[in-house]
Amino acid sequence: MGDDLASRNKVHFDKDASRHLAEWAELIQAVVEEFEARRSWMSSKWTDSSGFSSGQTSVRLLDYACGSGTASKWALLPFVTQAVGLDISPGMVAEYNKWAQDTGFGPERVQAYEYDLLSADTSQVIADQVSLSDFDIVVVSMALHHVSDPAKLLSRLAQCLRKGGVCVILDRVPESTSTNTPEVELSSTQAQVLQTINQFGFSEEDMRKLFCEAGLGHDVDYVLIERQFEAMFMGKRLTIGGFIAKGGLV
């Protein structure tokens, strides 16, 4: 099931890559604002904070399932020394890196790579390009509901953190999505999109369990986001309830 779900997501987001920013602009902007407003809650280790001590030379951010780079490119890049994006979609990775190149950033500052932490494919090799360890902050933004095995993923992400690091998840609350558009039979395209989703949201209990089992049980917190996220999806106006949660490496 995991490989099938990953394949469906890869196909879907490759198709969506070139128009992703335009189609989801409203949601992306709202998520960016949430990350910006909650930086001090997420971590004290930013380049502009007291947590960035004189002896610390870097603040590294991993944006997993980075897509267009909502967390790393738009929200948090000014406050880290390096941002690394990982995504299973080569189309999304290409769009991300085109932005970085056009903006004048080199790979040592910000770069995305095609990589799946859950894959058994040993041909995935990026160790000669970037280290996937010693990150201060790992972020997964509006993507965990697409993952076939969230528990396994969080365990893998914990291995990417350095001591004192934190994992931050922003996603949807269960049973919180609604539409003001009359229900009609789903089109084949809409049905295909729904097939890229593994779990329709995560409760506080879900996230606390996932963090603790992954070794991320330090200073766990789960916050319901007051605003409702809104987006147009294939002609439907969606309203989505969201949360942001964090767990630190034990």
Protein backbone atom coordinates (compact mmCIF):
# COMPACT_ATOMS: atom_id res chain seq x y z
CA MET A 1 0.00 0.00 0.00
CA GLY A 2 2.84 2.38 0.88
CA ASP A 3 4.58 2.16 -2.49
CA ASP A 4 1.25 2.52 -4.33
CA LEU A 5 0.34 5.62 -2.34
CA ALA A 6 3.77 7.14 -2.89
CA SER A 7 3.49 6.47 -6.62
CA ARG A 8 0.07 8.11 -6.79
CA ASN A 9 1.37 11.15 -4.95
CA LYS A 10 4.41 11.37 -7.20
CA VAL A 11 2.27 11.28 -10.35
CA HIS A 12 -0.25 13.78 -8.99
CA PHE A 13 2.23 16.35 -7.72
CA ASP A 14 4.33 16.10 -10.87
CA LYS A 15 1.23 17.06 -12.85
CA ASP A 16 0.45 19.81 -10.34
CA ALA A 17 3.96 21.26 -10.02
CA SER A 18 3.82 24.04 -12.61
CA ARG A 19 0.44 25.37 -11.46
CA HIS A 20 0.67 24.55 -7.75
CA LEU A 21 1.50 28.08 -6.57
CA ALA A 22 -1.35 29.65 -8.50
CA GLU A 23 -3.96 27.05 -7.55
CA TRP A 24 -3.14 26.98 -3.85
CA ALA A 25 -1.97 30.61 -3.40
CA GLU A 26 -4.56 31.45 -0.75
CA LEU A 27 -3.73 28.43 1.41
CA ILE A 28 0.02 28.82 0.94
CA GLN A 29 -0.06 32.46 2.06
CA ALA A 30 -2.05 31.57 5.18
CA VAL A 31 0.37 28.76 6.08
CA VAL A 32 3.36 31.06 5.56
CA GLU A 33 1.81 33.58 7.94
CA GLU A 34 1.28 30.88 10.58
CA PHE A 35 4.92 29.77 10.42
CA GLU A 36 6.16 33.36 10.59
CA ALA A 37 3.95 34.16 13.58
CA ARG A 38 4.92 31.02 15.50
CA ARG A 39 8.71 30.98 15.04
CA SER A 40 9.50 31.61 18.70
CA TRP A 41 7.06 28.84 19.68
CA MET A 42 8.67 26.43 17.21
CA SER A 43 12.28 26.91 18.28
CA SER A 44 14.70 29.33 19.91
CA LYS A 45 17.39 28.49 17.36
CA TRP A 46 17.06 31.10 14.65
CA THR A 47 19.78 33.36 13.33
CA ASP A 48 18.03 36.40 14.80
CA SER A 49 17.29 34.93 18.23
CA SER A 50 19.10 34.57 21.53
CA GLY A 51 19.21 30.82 20.92
CA PHE A 52 21.75 31.46 18.17
CA SER A 53 24.80 31.57 20.40
CA SER A 54 28.17 32.98 19.47
CA GLY A 55 29.54 29.46 19.32
CA GLN A 56 26.88 28.25 16.89
CA THR A 57 27.79 28.70 13.25
CA SER A 58 24.71 27.28 11.53
CA VAL A 59 20.96 26.82 11.77
CA ARG A 60 19.84 24.05 9.41
CA LEU A 61 16.24 23.51 8.33
CA LEU A 62 14.83 20.39 6.66
CA ASP A 63 11.56 20.91 4.78
CA TYR A 64 10.23 17.40 4.15
CA ALA A 65 7.64 16.87 1.40
CA CYS A 66 8.61 20.43 0.58
CA GLY A 67 6.51 20.83 -2.55
CA SER A 68 6.81 24.42 -3.68
CA GLY A 69 8.69 25.33 -0.50
CA THR A 70 5.97 26.92 1.60
CA ALA A 71 7.89 26.53 4.86
CA SER A 72 11.50 26.79 3.77
CA LYS A 73 11.42 29.26 0.87
CA TRP A 74 8.64 31.63 1.79
CA ALA A 75 8.47 31.58 5.60
CA LEU A 76 11.70 30.54 7.31
CA LEU A 77 14.65 30.95 4.93
CA PRO A 78 15.66 34.40 6.26
CA PHE A 79 16.18 32.92 9.72
CA VAL A 80 18.37 29.88 8.91
CA THR A 81 21.79 29.45 7.35
CA GLN A 82 20.72 26.50 5.19
CA ALA A 83 17.38 25.13 4.03
CA VAL A 84 17.11 21.68 2.48
CA GLY A 85 13.94 20.49 0.78
CA LEU A 86 13.10 16.84 0.14
CA ASP A 87 10.20 15.69 -2.03
CA ILE A 88 9.26 12.56 -3.97
CA SER A 89 8.07 14.63 -6.94
CA PRO A 90 10.82 15.58 -9.41
CA GLY A 91 8.49 18.21 -10.84
CA MET A 92 8.14 19.93 -7.48
CA VAL A 93 11.88 19.70 -6.89
CA ALA A 94 12.56 21.29 -10.28
CA GLU A 95 10.18 24.18 -9.55
CA TYR A 96 11.78 24.70 -6.13
CA ASN A 97 15.32 24.75 -7.52
CA LYS A 98 14.38 27.00 -10.44
CA TRP A 99 13.20 29.56 -7.89
CA ALA A 100 16.44 29.21 -5.91
CA GLN A 101 18.56 29.63 -9.04
CA ASP A 102 16.51 32.58 -10.32
CA THR A 103 16.78 34.23 -6.90
CA GLY A 104 20.54 33.82 -6.86
CA PHE A 105 20.88 31.25 -4.08
CA GLY A 106 23.40 28.43 -4.35
CA PRO A 107 22.80 24.88 -3.09
CA GLU A 108 24.77 25.58 0.07
CA ARG A 109 22.02 28.08 1.02
CA VAL A 110 18.82 26.49 -0.26
CA GLN A 111 18.24 23.43 -2.44
CA ALA A 112 15.65 20.69 -2.92
CA TYR A 113 16.31 17.04 -3.74
CA GLU A 114 14.14 14.19 -4.97
CA TYR A 115 14.16 11.79 -2.03
CA ASP A 116 11.75 9.53 -0.14
CA LEU A 117 12.70 8.72 3.45
CA LEU A 118 10.26 5.78 3.43
CA SER A 119 11.56 4.18 0.26
CA ALA A 120 13.45 0.91 0.27
CA ASP A 121 15.14 1.99 -2.97
CA THR A 122 18.83 1.91 -2.16
CA SER A 123 19.64 3.71 -5.43
CA GLN A 124 18.55 6.98 -3.81
CA VAL A 125 21.91 8.58 -3.12
CA ILE A 126 22.30 12.20 -2.15
CA ALA A 127 24.91 11.80 0.59
CA ASP A 128 27.56 13.29 -1.70
CA GLN A 129 25.35 16.36 -2.21
CA VAL A 130 23.92 17.12 1.23
CA SER A 131 23.98 15.72 4.75
CA LEU A 132 20.63 14.46 6.03
CA SER A 133 21.65 14.72 9.68
CA ASP A 134 22.31 17.45 12.23
CA PHE A 135 19.28 19.58 11.37
CA ASP A 136 18.03 22.00 14.02
CA ILE A 137 14.47 22.09 12.72
CA VAL A 138 12.42 19.70 10.59
CA VAL A 139 9.13 20.90 9.14
CA VAL A 140 6.35 18.96 7.38
CA SER A 141 3.73 21.35 6.06
CA MET A 142 0.30 20.14 4.90
CA ALA A 143 1.79 16.84 3.75
CA LEU A 144 1.61 14.28 6.56
CA HIS A 145 -1.91 13.27 5.50
CA HIS A 146 -0.42 12.07 2.19
CA VAL A 147 2.15 9.79 3.91
CA SER A 148 1.52 6.03 3.99
CA ASP A 149 3.26 5.46 7.34
CA PRO A 150 3.38 8.63 9.48
CA ALA A 151 4.92 6.79 12.44
CA LYS A 152 7.81 5.47 10.37
CA LEU A 153 8.34 8.86 8.76
CA LEU A 154 8.58 10.67 12.10
CA SER A 155 11.10 8.08 13.29
CA ARG A 156 13.18 8.75 10.18
CA LEU A 157 12.87 12.50 10.64
CA ALA A 158 14.03 12.17 14.25
CA GLN A 159 17.24 10.63 12.91
CA CYS A 160 17.78 13.77 10.84
CA LEU A 161 17.84 16.04 13.89
CA ARG A 162 20.77 17.03 16.04
CA LYS A 163 20.53 17.04 19.83
CA GLY A 164 18.01 19.67 20.90
CA GLY A 165 16.35 19.68 17.50
CA VAL A 166 12.61 19.95 16.95
CA CYS A 167 10.13 18.48 14.47
CA VAL A 168 7.17 20.70 13.51
CA ILE A 169 4.05 19.40 11.76
CA LEU A 170 1.34 21.63 10.29
CA ASP A 171 -1.65 19.73 8.95
CA ARG A 172 -5.41 19.36 9.02
CA VAL A 173 -7.67 18.53 11.93
CA PRO A 174 -9.81 15.38 11.44
CA GLU A 175 -13.28 15.96 10.01
CA SER A 176 -12.62 19.69 9.64
CA THR A 177 -12.87 20.13 5.87
CA SER A 178 -16.07 21.54 4.43
CA THR A 179 -17.29 23.12 1.21
CA ASN A 180 -20.04 25.58 0.41
CA THR A 181 -20.44 24.02 -3.02
CA PRO A 182 -23.36 21.60 -3.46
CA GLU A 183 -22.19 18.00 -3.41
CA VAL A 184 -22.10 16.36 -6.80
CA GLU A 185 -20.57 13.16 -8.02
CA LEU A 186 -16.79 13.39 -8.01
CA SER A 187 -15.04 13.74 -11.33
CA SER A 188 -12.35 11.21 -12.16
CA THR A 189 -9.68 13.84 -11.48
CA GLN A 190 -11.13 14.69 -8.06
CA ALA A 191 -11.32 11.00 -7.20
CA GLN A 192 -7.67 10.56 -8.17
CA VAL A 193 -6.65 13.40 -5.85
CA LEU A 194 -8.51 11.81 -2.94
CA GLN A 195 -6.56 8.62 -3.62
CA THR A 196 -3.35 10.46 -2.72
CA ILE A 197 -4.54 10.90 0.89
CA ASN A 198 -3.86 8.31 3.58
CA GLN A 199 -5.44 9.96 6.63
CA PHE A 200 -7.86 12.88 6.74
CA GLY A 201 -6.21 14.73 9.60
CA PHE A 202 -4.55 14.16 12.97
CA SER A 203 -5.87 14.76 16.48
CA GLU A 204 -3.81 15.88 19.44
CA GLU A 205 -3.80 12.29 20.69
CA ASP A 206 -2.55 11.10 17.30
CA MET A 207 0.31 13.57 17.22
CA ARG A 208 1.43 13.03 20.82
CA LYS A 209 1.57 9.29 20.16
CA LEU A 210 3.49 9.75 16.91
CA PHE A 211 6.02 12.11 18.48
CA CYS A 212 6.61 10.01 21.58
CA GLU A 213 7.01 6.76 19.66
CA ALA A 214 9.49 8.44 17.32
CA GLY A 215 11.70 9.64 20.18
CA LEU A 216 10.41 13.19 19.79
CA GLY A 217 8.67 13.37 23.14
CA HIS A 218 10.38 16.47 24.54
CA ASP A 219 8.21 19.57 24.98
CA VAL A 220 5.39 18.20 22.81
CA ASP A 221 2.65 20.68 22.01
CA TYR A 222 -0.41 20.71 19.74
CA VAL A 223 -2.17 23.97 18.91
CA LEU A 224 -5.41 24.40 17.00
CA ILE A 225 -5.04 27.22 14.50
CA GLU A 226 -7.75 29.79 15.09
CA ARG A 227 -8.25 30.82 11.51
CA GLN A 228 -9.81 28.49 8.97
CA PHE A 229 -7.66 27.78 5.94
CA GLU A 230 -9.46 28.39 2.66
CA ALA A 231 -8.72 27.26 -0.87
CA MET A 232 -10.35 26.71 -4.23
CA PHE A 233 -10.02 23.10 -5.31
CA MET A 234 -11.34 22.16 -8.74
CA GLY A 235 -14.11 24.69 -8.55
CA LYS A 236 -14.99 23.99 -4.92
CA ARG A 237 -14.42 26.48 -2.11
CA LEU A 238 -12.85 24.49 0.73
CA THR A 239 -12.61 25.45 4.38
CA ILE A 240 -10.02 23.47 6.33
CA GLY A 241 -9.34 23.38 10.06
CA GLY A 242 -5.64 23.19 10.84
CA PHE A 243 -3.21 22.53 13.68
CA ILE A 244 0.47 22.99 14.31
CA ALA A 245 2.35 20.57 16.56
CA LYS A 246 5.93 20.09 17.68
CA GLY A 247 8.06 17.48 19.38
CA GLY A 248 11.71 17.72 20.39
CA LEU A 249 14.39 15.09 20.16
CA VAL A 250 14.63 13.28 23.48
